[in-house]
Amino acid sequence: MKTYFQNKRLRLISLFSLLLLFSCGGGDDDVQTVTPAPVAAVITAADLAATTPENPEAGATLGTVQASVSTGSLQYSLTSQSVAGALAINASTGVVTVADAALFDFETAQSLTANVRVTAGNVIKDITVTITLTDVDEMDAGYTIWTGATLTFTKSNGGDPTLASQQDAITDNVKITRGNTGGQIYNIVTEAAANSSVSPAGTEWSLGTVDDIDSLTFEPFRAATGGKPKDVVGQNMVLHLITDDVYISIKFTSWATGKAGGFAYERSTSN
């Protein structure tokens, strides 16, 4: 009996020892902590192309760089420009603007380019910005040209030039009419009768259209008609009101002879 109990005790001690061994075998020394490697940001960005008239206003928006990033935030910077100082870019939004308007001169450069660097942390993406300039006629920009509806004026044969109905009141400074004793049209605001050298006073004329205004030569009425007003019937002319500084498209449709005093024309009106 003693041997039996001794053996049983030994077996219990052995079993306990095994259990203790297995329970201690999964200690902290066997646990490994794995830290994921950082994922690099991925930048997607496209070149920017835009068109603008020359001589824009300083600060005018030209376009926005289209870019995105998989993680983090983007920053934008100019690394080079074809015309130094012409462009600016917002560092956080990518909006490209006019920095120096004087450099947007079509006669000097028809396009402006710049290299833009887009960054997110240590990740870099370079793109190109191209701004194409369109030509603006600086001389036309200083003209006031009437392009409104066409008005037809008729001074009747024998009509009294002192009557308002027989005068084309273009502005307060110029009212065109014609006498019945022969001669040309005149400005009744400042003239009592026509003077072949200067009438209508306060005006100058040219054959042609306002589309070619830069190349037109303006003269007194009779000189512009080649000395014979009746010969310009049906031809396009441009009338310049000197005091008002207005340019008007005009075409004579009739010119009475024989000292009748009649004439008619079509002209543009203010917008």
Foldseek 3Di string as FASTA:
>chain_A
DVVVVVVVVVVVVVVVVVVVVVVCPPDPVPDDDDDDDDDDKDKDWAEAEFEDAAQDDFFAWGDATDMDIPDAAKFKDWPDKPDPQQWDADGRGRTITGRDRVVRACVVPQKMKTKMWMDGVPDIDIHMYMYGYDYDDPVVVPAAEFDADKDKAKQFFVHDCVDLNQWCCQDLQFIWFAALQDDDIAGVNPDPHDDLQAGNPQKWKAFDDPVPVVPTDTGHDCVRQVNDVQNQAPTWMWMARRVVRYIKIKHWNGDDDPSRRITMMMMGHHD
